[in-house]
Amino acid sequence: MRLRIGAVAALFLLGLHTNGALAVGEKSKSKPKSNGEIVDFEQDFSRGTVIVRTSERRLYYVLGDGQAVRYPIAVGKTRFQWTGELWVSSKRENPTWRPTARMRREDPRLPVSVGPGPRNPLGSRAIYLGWGEYRIHGTNAPGSIGGAASSGCFRMHNVDIVDLFERVHIGAPVIVQK
């Protein structure tokens, strides 16, 4: 027991001596920088509302006081685009992707599901909307951001979905506009 306490104390003192500098080979645990930027947003929406503007291919998270965080997104292909109001019904870290019945009819080669990892089209986080099949999620295809690429969901860079995931709350309104 004394050896463990001594080792912990030594590591603590080493940390103080190096001012928190990383040891050789140690990876930084700092969070990657989001592509989201704080912008003026004078629209009349309450704090915590998510606004998706498909024509801009941007998602806004309303901060209040005339500001929002703006993120680049991918939107649905033309035939899958939609507008309306939903809400955040749930959030999942490292979600499992399950293609919808329509997706599987259109491409029977699709797997039944894809678990977490680099092959998962949902990326590292998913925010589920209403009771339907739509989500705001990360992606394993970052080159699609800025385009019309999905089956109606909204794709974000994984670093951005992590940032939004930490901000948004279950029940938050989501307004999808043209």
N, C-alpha and C. Protein backbone atom coordinates (compact mmCIF):
# COMPACT_ATOMS: atom_id res chain seq x y z
N MET A 1 0.83 -1.19 0.00
CA MET A 1 0.00 0.00 0.00
C MET A 1 0.87 1.26 0.00
N ARG A 2 1.94 1.26 0.82
CA ARG A 2 2.83 2.43 0.86
C ARG A 2 3.48 2.67 -0.49
N LEU A 3 3.84 1.59 -1.18
CA LEU A 3 4.48 1.71 -2.48
C LEU A 3 3.54 2.41 -3.47
N ARG A 4 2.27 2.02 -3.46
CA ARG A 4 1.30 2.64 -4.35
C ARG A 4 1.13 4.12 -4.03
N ILE A 5 1.00 4.46 -2.77
CA ILE A 5 0.83 5.86 -2.37
C ILE A 5 2.07 6.65 -2.76
N GLY A 6 3.24 6.07 -2.54
CA GLY A 6 4.49 6.74 -2.92
C GLY A 6 4.57 6.97 -4.42
N ALA A 7 4.16 5.99 -5.21
CA ALA A 7 4.18 6.12 -6.67
C ALA A 7 3.22 7.20 -7.12
N VAL A 8 2.04 7.24 -6.54
CA VAL A 8 1.06 8.27 -6.90
C VAL A 8 1.60 9.65 -6.54
N ALA A 9 2.20 9.76 -5.35
CA ALA A 9 2.76 11.05 -4.92
C ALA A 9 3.87 11.48 -5.87
N ALA A 10 4.73 10.56 -6.27
CA ALA A 10 5.82 10.89 -7.19
C ALA A 10 5.28 11.38 -8.53
N LEU A 11 4.26 10.70 -9.04
CA LEU A 11 3.67 11.13 -10.31
C LEU A 11 3.03 12.51 -10.18
N PHE A 12 2.38 12.76 -9.04
CA PHE A 12 1.77 14.05 -8.80
C PHE A 12 2.83 15.15 -8.78
N LEU A 13 3.90 14.91 -8.04
CA LEU A 13 4.97 15.91 -7.97
C LEU A 13 5.64 16.11 -9.31
N LEU A 14 5.82 15.05 -10.09
CA LEU A 14 6.39 15.16 -11.42
C LEU A 14 5.48 16.04 -12.28
N GLY A 15 4.18 15.85 -12.15
CA GLY A 15 3.22 16.66 -12.90
C GLY A 15 3.33 18.13 -12.52
N LEU A 16 3.52 18.42 -11.23
CA LEU A 16 3.67 19.81 -10.79
C LEU A 16 4.96 20.40 -11.33
N HIS A 17 6.03 19.59 -11.31
CA HIS A 17 7.33 20.07 -11.74
C HIS A 17 7.34 20.38 -13.24
N THR A 18 6.61 19.61 -14.04
CA THR A 18 6.63 19.82 -15.48
C THR A 18 5.53 20.75 -15.95
N ASN A 19 4.80 21.36 -15.00
CA ASN A 19 3.69 22.25 -15.36
C ASN A 19 2.68 21.58 -16.26
N GLY A 20 2.48 20.29 -16.07
CA GLY A 20 1.48 19.57 -16.85
C GLY A 20 1.95 19.21 -18.24
N ALA A 21 3.24 19.39 -18.56
CA ALA A 21 3.73 19.03 -19.88
C ALA A 21 3.58 17.53 -20.07
N LEU A 22 3.35 17.13 -21.30
CA LEU A 22 3.14 15.72 -21.59
C LEU A 22 4.45 14.97 -21.59
N ALA A 23 4.40 13.77 -21.07
CA ALA A 23 5.58 12.91 -21.11
C ALA A 23 5.79 12.45 -22.55
N VAL A 24 7.02 12.04 -22.87
CA VAL A 24 7.33 11.56 -24.22
C VAL A 24 6.42 10.38 -24.55
N GLY A 25 5.79 10.44 -25.71
CA GLY A 25 4.92 9.35 -26.16
C GLY A 25 3.49 9.45 -25.64
N GLU A 26 3.22 10.33 -24.70
CA GLU A 26 1.87 10.47 -24.15
C GLU A 26 1.04 11.32 -25.11
N LYS A 27 -0.19 10.89 -25.36
CA LYS A 27 -1.07 11.61 -26.26
C LYS A 27 -1.84 12.69 -25.51
N SER A 28 -2.06 13.80 -26.17
CA SER A 28 -2.86 14.87 -25.59
C SER A 28 -4.32 14.44 -25.49
N LYS A 29 -4.95 14.78 -24.40
CA LYS A 29 -6.35 14.45 -24.22
C LYS A 29 -7.23 15.67 -24.54
N SER A 30 -6.64 16.67 -25.18
CA SER A 30 -7.42 17.85 -25.51
C SER A 30 -8.44 17.50 -26.60
N LYS A 31 -9.54 18.17 -26.53
CA LYS A 31 -10.64 17.94 -27.46
C LYS A 31 -10.31 18.57 -28.81
N PRO A 32 -10.51 17.81 -29.92
CA PRO A 32 -10.27 18.41 -31.24
C PRO A 32 -11.19 19.61 -31.45
N LYS A 33 -10.74 20.55 -32.25
CA LYS A 33 -11.50 21.78 -32.48
C LYS A 33 -12.66 21.54 -33.43
N SER A 34 -13.82 22.01 -33.01
CA SER A 34 -15.04 21.91 -33.81
C SER A 34 -14.98 22.90 -34.97
N ASN A 35 -15.71 22.59 -36.04
CA ASN A 35 -15.88 23.51 -37.16
C ASN A 35 -16.99 24.52 -36.89
N GLY A 36 -17.69 24.33 -35.76
CA GLY A 36 -18.77 25.25 -35.39
C GLY A 36 -18.20 26.62 -35.07
N GLU A 37 -18.93 27.64 -35.50
CA GLU A 37 -18.49 29.00 -35.20
C GLU A 37 -19.66 29.78 -34.63
N ILE A 38 -19.36 30.63 -33.67
CA ILE A 38 -20.40 31.46 -33.07
C ILE A 38 -20.68 32.62 -34.03
N VAL A 39 -21.97 32.76 -34.37
CA VAL A 39 -22.38 33.79 -35.32
C VAL A 39 -23.55 34.59 -34.74
N ASP A 40 -23.76 35.78 -35.29
CA ASP A 40 -24.94 36.56 -34.92
C ASP A 40 -26.16 35.84 -35.46
N PHE A 41 -27.21 35.77 -34.65
CA PHE A 41 -28.42 35.05 -35.03
C PHE A 41 -29.59 35.76 -34.39
N GLU A 42 -30.16 36.69 -35.11
CA GLU A 42 -31.21 37.57 -34.56
C GLU A 42 -32.62 37.00 -34.70
N GLN A 43 -32.74 35.75 -35.09
CA GLN A 43 -34.05 35.13 -35.23
C GLN A 43 -34.67 34.92 -33.85
N ASP A 44 -35.98 34.82 -33.79
CA ASP A 44 -36.68 34.70 -32.52
C ASP A 44 -36.94 33.23 -32.17
N PHE A 45 -35.89 32.54 -31.76
CA PHE A 45 -35.98 31.15 -31.31
C PHE A 45 -35.41 31.07 -29.91
N SER A 46 -35.95 30.19 -29.10
CA SER A 46 -35.45 30.08 -27.72
C SER A 46 -34.11 29.35 -27.67
N ARG A 47 -33.38 29.66 -26.62
CA ARG A 47 -32.08 29.04 -26.37
C ARG A 47 -32.23 27.52 -26.40
N GLY A 48 -31.29 26.84 -27.05
CA GLY A 48 -31.31 25.38 -27.11
C GLY A 48 -32.04 24.80 -28.31
N THR A 49 -32.66 25.68 -29.12
CA THR A 49 -33.34 25.22 -30.33
C THR A 49 -32.31 24.90 -31.41
N VAL A 50 -32.57 23.85 -32.17
CA VAL A 50 -31.73 23.49 -33.31
C VAL A 50 -32.47 23.90 -34.58
N ILE A 51 -31.81 24.69 -35.42
CA ILE A 51 -32.38 25.13 -36.69
C ILE A 51 -31.53 24.53 -37.80
N VAL A 52 -32.16 23.81 -38.72
CA VAL A 52 -31.46 23.26 -39.89
C VAL A 52 -31.95 24.03 -41.10
N ARG A 53 -31.03 24.58 -41.85
CA ARG A 53 -31.36 25.29 -43.09
C ARG A 53 -30.77 24.50 -44.25
N THR A 54 -31.63 23.71 -44.90
CA THR A 54 -31.14 22.79 -45.93
C THR A 54 -30.52 23.53 -47.12
N SER A 55 -31.09 24.67 -47.51
CA SER A 55 -30.53 25.40 -48.65
C SER A 55 -29.13 25.94 -48.35
N GLU A 56 -28.86 26.26 -47.10
CA GLU A 56 -27.53 26.74 -46.69
C GLU A 56 -26.58 25.59 -46.40
N ARG A 57 -27.18 24.42 -46.13
CA ARG A 57 -26.40 23.26 -45.66
C ARG A 57 -25.64 23.62 -44.38
N ARG A 58 -26.43 24.21 -43.47
CA ARG A 58 -25.92 24.62 -42.17
C ARG A 58 -26.92 24.25 -41.09
N LEU A 59 -26.40 23.97 -39.91
CA LEU A 59 -27.21 23.72 -38.71
C LEU A 59 -26.82 24.77 -37.69
N TYR A 60 -27.82 25.34 -37.02
CA TYR A 60 -27.60 26.36 -36.00
C TYR A 60 -28.10 25.84 -34.66
N TYR A 61 -27.28 26.00 -33.64
CA TYR A 61 -27.70 25.72 -32.27
C TYR A 61 -27.82 27.08 -31.60
N VAL A 62 -29.05 27.46 -31.21
CA VAL A 62 -29.32 28.79 -30.69
C VAL A 62 -28.77 28.91 -29.26
N LEU A 63 -27.89 29.89 -29.08
CA LEU A 63 -27.30 30.17 -27.76
C LEU A 63 -28.12 31.18 -26.98
N GLY A 64 -28.93 31.97 -27.69
CA GLY A 64 -29.65 33.08 -27.06
C GLY A 64 -28.85 34.36 -27.18
N ASP A 65 -29.42 35.45 -26.72
CA ASP A 65 -28.75 36.76 -26.77
C ASP A 65 -28.24 37.09 -28.17
N GLY A 66 -29.01 36.67 -29.21
CA GLY A 66 -28.65 37.02 -30.58
C GLY A 66 -27.50 36.24 -31.17
N GLN A 67 -27.19 35.07 -30.60
CA GLN A 67 -26.07 34.28 -31.12
C GLN A 67 -26.46 32.81 -31.27
N ALA A 68 -25.72 32.14 -32.16
CA ALA A 68 -25.89 30.70 -32.37
C ALA A 68 -24.55 30.11 -32.78
N VAL A 69 -24.43 28.81 -32.60
CA VAL A 69 -23.27 28.10 -33.14
C VAL A 69 -23.71 27.55 -34.49
N ARG A 70 -22.93 27.84 -35.53
CA ARG A 70 -23.26 27.40 -36.89
C ARG A 70 -22.27 26.29 -37.30
N TYR A 71 -22.84 25.18 -37.79
CA TYR A 71 -22.03 24.04 -38.23
C TYR A 71 -22.33 23.73 -39.70
N PRO A 72 -21.33 23.28 -40.45
CA PRO A 72 -21.59 22.77 -41.80
C PRO A 72 -22.19 21.36 -41.69
N ILE A 73 -23.12 21.04 -42.60
CA ILE A 73 -23.76 19.72 -42.58
C ILE A 73 -23.94 19.20 -44.00
N ALA A 74 -24.27 17.93 -44.11
CA ALA A 74 -24.79 17.33 -45.33
C ALA A 74 -26.27 17.14 -45.10
N VAL A 75 -27.06 17.34 -46.15
CA VAL A 75 -28.51 17.19 -46.06
C VAL A 75 -28.94 16.01 -46.92
N GLY A 76 -30.24 15.76 -46.94
CA GLY A 76 -30.77 14.67 -47.75
C GLY A 76 -30.65 14.94 -49.23
N LYS A 77 -30.55 13.85 -49.98
CA LYS A 77 -30.61 13.97 -51.44
C LYS A 77 -31.94 14.65 -51.77
N THR A 78 -32.02 15.27 -52.92
CA THR A 78 -33.20 16.08 -53.28
C THR A 78 -34.51 15.36 -52.99
N ARG A 79 -34.64 14.10 -53.35
CA ARG A 79 -35.92 13.40 -53.15
C ARG A 79 -36.20 13.06 -51.69
N PHE A 80 -35.19 13.21 -50.83
CA PHE A 80 -35.37 12.89 -49.41
C PHE A 80 -35.39 14.12 -48.50
N GLN A 81 -35.29 15.31 -49.08
CA GLN A 81 -35.29 16.51 -48.24
C GLN A 81 -36.70 16.78 -47.70
N TRP A 82 -36.74 17.36 -46.53
CA TRP A 82 -38.02 17.63 -45.87
C TRP A 82 -37.88 18.88 -45.02
N THR A 83 -39.01 19.43 -44.64
CA THR A 83 -39.05 20.56 -43.71
C THR A 83 -40.09 20.25 -42.65
N GLY A 84 -39.97 20.91 -41.52
CA GLY A 84 -40.95 20.71 -40.46
C GLY A 84 -40.32 20.88 -39.09
N GLU A 85 -41.08 20.49 -38.08
CA GLU A 85 -40.63 20.63 -36.70
C GLU A 85 -40.69 19.29 -36.00
N LEU A 86 -39.60 18.94 -35.35
CA LEU A 86 -39.52 17.73 -34.53
C LEU A 86 -38.88 18.13 -33.21
N TRP A 87 -38.38 17.16 -32.47
CA TRP A 87 -37.71 17.41 -31.21
C TRP A 87 -36.65 16.33 -31.04
N VAL A 88 -35.70 16.59 -30.16
CA VAL A 88 -34.67 15.60 -29.85
C VAL A 88 -35.32 14.56 -28.93
N SER A 89 -35.45 13.34 -29.43
CA SER A 89 -36.11 12.30 -28.65
C SER A 89 -35.11 11.43 -27.88
N SER A 90 -33.89 11.30 -28.38
CA SER A 90 -32.85 10.57 -27.65
C SER A 90 -31.49 10.89 -28.26
N LYS A 91 -30.45 10.51 -27.53
CA LYS A 91 -29.07 10.72 -27.97
C LYS A 91 -28.30 9.44 -27.68
N ARG A 92 -27.40 9.07 -28.60
CA ARG A 92 -26.61 7.86 -28.40
C ARG A 92 -25.15 8.09 -28.76
N GLU A 93 -24.28 7.67 -27.86
CA GLU A 93 -22.85 7.64 -28.16
C GLU A 93 -22.55 6.32 -28.85
N ASN A 94 -21.67 6.34 -29.83
CA ASN A 94 -21.27 5.14 -30.57
C ASN A 94 -22.49 4.30 -30.96
N PRO A 95 -23.39 4.89 -31.74
CA PRO A 95 -24.64 4.22 -32.08
C PRO A 95 -24.43 3.06 -33.06
N THR A 96 -25.39 2.16 -33.08
CA THR A 96 -25.44 1.10 -34.09
C THR A 96 -26.34 1.59 -35.21
N TRP A 97 -25.88 1.43 -36.46
CA TRP A 97 -26.68 1.84 -37.61
C TRP A 97 -27.50 0.65 -38.09
N ARG A 98 -28.79 0.89 -38.25
CA ARG A 98 -29.71 -0.11 -38.81
C ARG A 98 -30.40 0.53 -40.01
N PRO A 99 -30.07 0.06 -41.22
CA PRO A 99 -30.73 0.64 -42.39
C PRO A 99 -32.24 0.47 -42.29
N THR A 100 -32.97 1.47 -42.79
CA THR A 100 -34.43 1.39 -42.77
C THR A 100 -34.91 0.32 -43.77
N ALA A 101 -36.17 -0.06 -43.64
CA ALA A 101 -36.75 -1.05 -44.56
C ALA A 101 -36.66 -0.54 -46.00
N ARG A 102 -36.90 0.75 -46.22
CA ARG A 102 -36.80 1.31 -47.57
C ARG A 102 -35.39 1.19 -48.11
N MET A 103 -34.40 1.51 -47.29
CA MET A 103 -33.01 1.40 -47.72
C MET A 103 -32.67 -0.04 -48.11
N ARG A 104 -33.14 -0.99 -47.31
CA ARG A 104 -32.85 -2.40 -47.60
C ARG A 104 -33.58 -2.89 -48.85
N ARG A 105 -34.78 -2.35 -49.12
CA ARG A 105 -35.48 -2.70 -50.37
C ARG A 105 -34.71 -2.18 -51.57
N GLU A 106 -34.21 -0.92 -51.44
CA GLU A 106 -33.47 -0.32 -52.54
C GLU A 106 -32.09 -0.94 -52.74
N ASP A 107 -31.50 -1.45 -51.68
CA ASP A 107 -30.19 -2.09 -51.76
C ASP A 107 -30.16 -3.29 -50.83
N PRO A 108 -30.60 -4.46 -51.32
CA PRO A 108 -30.67 -5.66 -50.47
C PRO A 108 -29.31 -6.12 -49.93
N ARG A 109 -28.22 -5.60 -50.49
CA ARG A 109 -26.89 -5.99 -50.00
C ARG A 109 -26.51 -5.30 -48.69
N LEU A 110 -27.31 -4.33 -48.27
CA LEU A 110 -27.00 -3.63 -47.01
C LEU A 110 -27.08 -4.60 -45.84
N PRO A 111 -26.19 -4.43 -44.88
CA PRO A 111 -26.24 -5.29 -43.69
C PRO A 111 -27.47 -4.97 -42.84
N VAL A 112 -27.81 -5.89 -41.97
CA VAL A 112 -28.92 -5.65 -41.04
C VAL A 112 -28.54 -4.54 -40.07
N SER A 113 -27.27 -4.53 -39.65
CA SER A 113 -26.80 -3.47 -38.75
C SER A 113 -25.29 -3.37 -38.86
N VAL A 114 -24.78 -2.20 -38.43
CA VAL A 114 -23.34 -1.98 -38.34
C VAL A 114 -23.09 -1.37 -36.96
N GLY A 115 -22.27 -2.06 -36.17
CA GLY A 115 -21.94 -1.58 -34.84
C GLY A 115 -20.97 -0.41 -34.87
N PRO A 116 -20.63 0.10 -33.70
CA PRO A 116 -19.69 1.22 -33.61
C PRO A 116 -18.37 0.91 -34.29
N GLY A 117 -17.77 1.93 -34.86
CA GLY A 117 -16.46 1.76 -35.49
C GLY A 117 -16.38 2.53 -36.79
N PRO A 118 -15.26 2.41 -37.49
CA PRO A 118 -15.01 3.22 -38.69
C PRO A 118 -15.95 2.93 -39.86
N ARG A 119 -16.59 1.78 -39.90
CA ARG A 119 -17.51 1.45 -40.99
C ARG A 119 -18.93 1.96 -40.74
N ASN A 120 -19.19 2.46 -39.54
CA ASN A 120 -20.54 2.88 -39.17
C ASN A 120 -20.87 4.24 -39.80
N PRO A 121 -21.91 4.31 -40.64
CA PRO A 121 -22.28 5.58 -41.28
C PRO A 121 -22.76 6.66 -40.32
N LEU A 122 -23.11 6.30 -39.08
CA LEU A 122 -23.59 7.30 -38.12
C LEU A 122 -22.45 8.00 -37.39
N GLY A 123 -21.23 7.55 -37.59
CA GLY A 123 -20.11 8.18 -36.90
C GLY A 123 -20.14 7.93 -35.41
N SER A 124 -19.64 8.88 -34.65
CA SER A 124 -19.44 8.68 -33.21
C SER A 124 -20.64 9.03 -32.33
N ARG A 125 -21.61 9.79 -32.86
CA ARG A 125 -22.77 10.18 -32.06
C ARG A 125 -23.99 10.28 -32.97
N ALA A 126 -25.16 10.07 -32.37
CA ALA A 126 -26.41 10.26 -33.10
C ALA A 126 -27.43 10.93 -32.19
N ILE A 127 -28.13 11.88 -32.74
CA ILE A 127 -29.21 12.59 -32.05
C ILE A 127 -30.49 12.23 -32.82
N TYR A 128 -31.39 11.53 -32.16
CA TYR A 128 -32.60 11.03 -32.80
C TYR A 128 -33.71 12.07 -32.71
N LEU A 129 -34.47 12.19 -33.80
CA LEU A 129 -35.50 13.22 -33.91
C LEU A 129 -36.89 12.61 -33.91
N GLY A 130 -37.75 13.10 -33.03
CA GLY A 130 -39.14 12.67 -32.98
C GLY A 130 -39.26 11.16 -32.84
N TRP A 131 -40.31 10.62 -33.44
CA TRP A 131 -40.54 9.18 -33.37
C TRP A 131 -40.15 8.49 -34.67
N GLY A 132 -39.60 9.24 -35.61
CA GLY A 132 -39.31 8.70 -36.93
C GLY A 132 -37.90 8.17 -37.09
N GLU A 133 -37.49 8.14 -38.34
CA GLU A 133 -36.21 7.55 -38.71
C GLU A 133 -35.10 8.58 -38.90
N TYR A 134 -35.41 9.86 -38.68
CA TYR A 134 -34.43 10.90 -38.95
C TYR A 134 -33.52 11.16 -37.75
N ARG A 135 -32.25 11.51 -38.08
CA ARG A 135 -31.25 11.76 -37.06
C ARG A 135 -30.34 12.90 -37.52
N ILE A 136 -29.70 13.48 -36.55
CA ILE A 136 -28.52 14.33 -36.78
C ILE A 136 -27.39 13.46 -36.28
N HIS A 137 -26.41 13.21 -37.13
CA HIS A 137 -25.37 12.25 -36.72
C HIS A 137 -24.02 12.58 -37.34
N GLY A 138 -23.00 11.91 -36.85
CA GLY A 138 -21.66 12.01 -37.42
C GLY A 138 -21.63 11.26 -38.73
N THR A 139 -20.44 11.03 -39.24
CA THR A 139 -20.34 10.32 -40.52
C THR A 139 -18.98 9.66 -40.67
N ASN A 140 -18.96 8.60 -41.47
CA ASN A 140 -17.69 8.00 -41.86
C ASN A 140 -17.32 8.46 -43.28
N ALA A 141 -18.07 9.44 -43.80
CA ALA A 141 -17.82 10.01 -45.13
C ALA A 141 -17.74 11.54 -45.01
N PRO A 142 -16.67 12.06 -44.40
CA PRO A 142 -16.60 13.51 -44.16
C PRO A 142 -16.63 14.34 -45.44
N GLY A 143 -16.27 13.76 -46.58
CA GLY A 143 -16.33 14.49 -47.84
C GLY A 143 -17.75 14.82 -48.28
N SER A 144 -18.74 14.19 -47.65
CA SER A 144 -20.14 14.46 -48.00
C SER A 144 -20.67 15.74 -47.36
N ILE A 145 -19.97 16.25 -46.34
CA ILE A 145 -20.43 17.47 -45.65
C ILE A 145 -20.43 18.62 -46.65
N GLY A 146 -21.55 19.35 -46.68
CA GLY A 146 -21.72 20.43 -47.64
C GLY A 146 -22.53 20.00 -48.84
N GLY A 147 -22.82 18.71 -48.94
CA GLY A 147 -23.57 18.20 -50.08
C GLY A 147 -24.96 17.70 -49.70
N ALA A 148 -25.65 17.19 -50.71
CA ALA A 148 -26.94 16.54 -50.52
C ALA A 148 -26.68 15.05 -50.71
N ALA A 149 -26.54 14.33 -49.60
CA ALA A 149 -26.00 12.98 -49.69
C ALA A 149 -26.78 11.90 -48.97
N SER A 150 -27.68 12.26 -48.08
CA SER A 150 -28.27 11.25 -47.19
C SER A 150 -29.70 10.88 -47.60
N SER A 151 -30.29 10.02 -46.80
CA SER A 151 -31.68 9.61 -47.00
C SER A 151 -32.63 10.43 -46.12
N GLY A 152 -32.24 11.65 -45.81
CA GLY A 152 -33.09 12.54 -45.03
C GLY A 152 -32.51 12.96 -43.70
N CYS A 153 -31.45 12.27 -43.27
CA CYS A 153 -30.78 12.65 -42.02
C CYS A 153 -29.82 13.81 -42.30
N PHE A 154 -29.28 14.37 -41.23
CA PHE A 154 -28.33 15.46 -41.33
C PHE A 154 -26.99 14.98 -40.79
N ARG A 155 -25.98 14.99 -41.65
CA ARG A 155 -24.64 14.53 -41.29
C ARG A 155 -23.77 15.70 -40.86
N MET A 156 -22.92 15.42 -39.87
CA MET A 156 -21.98 16.41 -39.39
C MET A 156 -20.60 15.76 -39.28
N HIS A 157 -19.56 16.58 -39.32
CA HIS A 157 -18.23 16.06 -39.01
C HIS A 157 -18.31 15.47 -37.60
N ASN A 158 -17.57 14.40 -37.34
CA ASN A 158 -17.64 13.75 -36.03
C ASN A 158 -17.28 14.70 -34.89
N VAL A 159 -16.32 15.57 -35.09
CA VAL A 159 -15.96 16.52 -34.04
C VAL A 159 -17.11 17.48 -33.77
N ASP A 160 -17.88 17.81 -34.80
CA ASP A 160 -19.01 18.72 -34.64
C ASP A 160 -20.19 18.04 -33.96
N ILE A 161 -20.47 16.79 -34.30
CA ILE A 161 -21.59 16.11 -33.65
C ILE A 161 -21.29 15.90 -32.17
N VAL A 162 -20.03 15.68 -31.83
CA VAL A 162 -19.66 15.55 -30.41
C VAL A 162 -19.94 16.88 -29.70
N ASP A 163 -19.58 17.99 -30.33
CA ASP A 163 -19.81 19.31 -29.73
C ASP A 163 -21.31 19.56 -29.57
N LEU A 164 -22.10 19.32 -30.61
CA LEU A 164 -23.55 19.52 -30.54
C LEU A 164 -24.18 18.56 -29.52
N PHE A 165 -23.74 17.33 -29.51
CA PHE A 165 -24.25 16.30 -28.59
C PHE A 165 -24.13 16.77 -27.14
N GLU A 166 -23.02 17.42 -26.82
CA GLU A 166 -22.80 17.91 -25.46
C GLU A 166 -23.68 19.12 -25.13
N ARG A 167 -24.09 19.86 -26.13
CA ARG A 167 -24.88 21.07 -25.92
C ARG A 167 -26.38 20.80 -25.85
N VAL A 168 -26.88 19.96 -26.74
CA VAL A 168 -28.33 19.82 -26.93
C VAL A 168 -28.93 18.87 -25.89
N HIS A 169 -30.17 19.15 -25.53
CA HIS A 169 -30.86 18.36 -24.50
C HIS A 169 -32.03 17.61 -25.10
N ILE A 170 -32.37 16.48 -24.48
CA ILE A 170 -33.55 15.73 -24.88
C ILE A 170 -34.76 16.67 -24.77
N GLY A 171 -35.60 16.65 -25.78
CA GLY A 171 -36.79 17.51 -25.80
C GLY A 171 -36.57 18.82 -26.54
N ALA A 172 -35.33 19.14 -26.89
CA ALA A 172 -35.06 20.40 -27.59
C ALA A 172 -35.78 20.42 -28.93
N PRO A 173 -36.37 21.57 -29.30
CA PRO A 173 -37.02 21.67 -30.61
C PRO A 173 -36.01 21.64 -31.74
N VAL A 174 -36.39 21.00 -32.83
CA VAL A 174 -35.57 20.96 -34.04
C VAL A 174 -36.45 21.45 -35.19
N ILE A 175 -36.06 22.54 -35.82
CA ILE A 175 -36.84 23.15 -36.90
C ILE A 175 -36.04 23.04 -38.18
N VAL A 176 -36.60 22.34 -39.16
CA VAL A 176 -35.94 22.15 -40.45
C VAL A 176 -36.61 23.08 -41.45
N GLN A 177 -35.81 23.97 -42.03
CA GLN A 177 -36.29 24.95 -42.99
C GLN A 177 -35.60 24.73 -44.33
N LYS A 178 -36.20 25.24 -45.38
CA LYS A 178 -35.60 25.16 -46.72
C LYS A 178 -34.36 25.98 -46.81
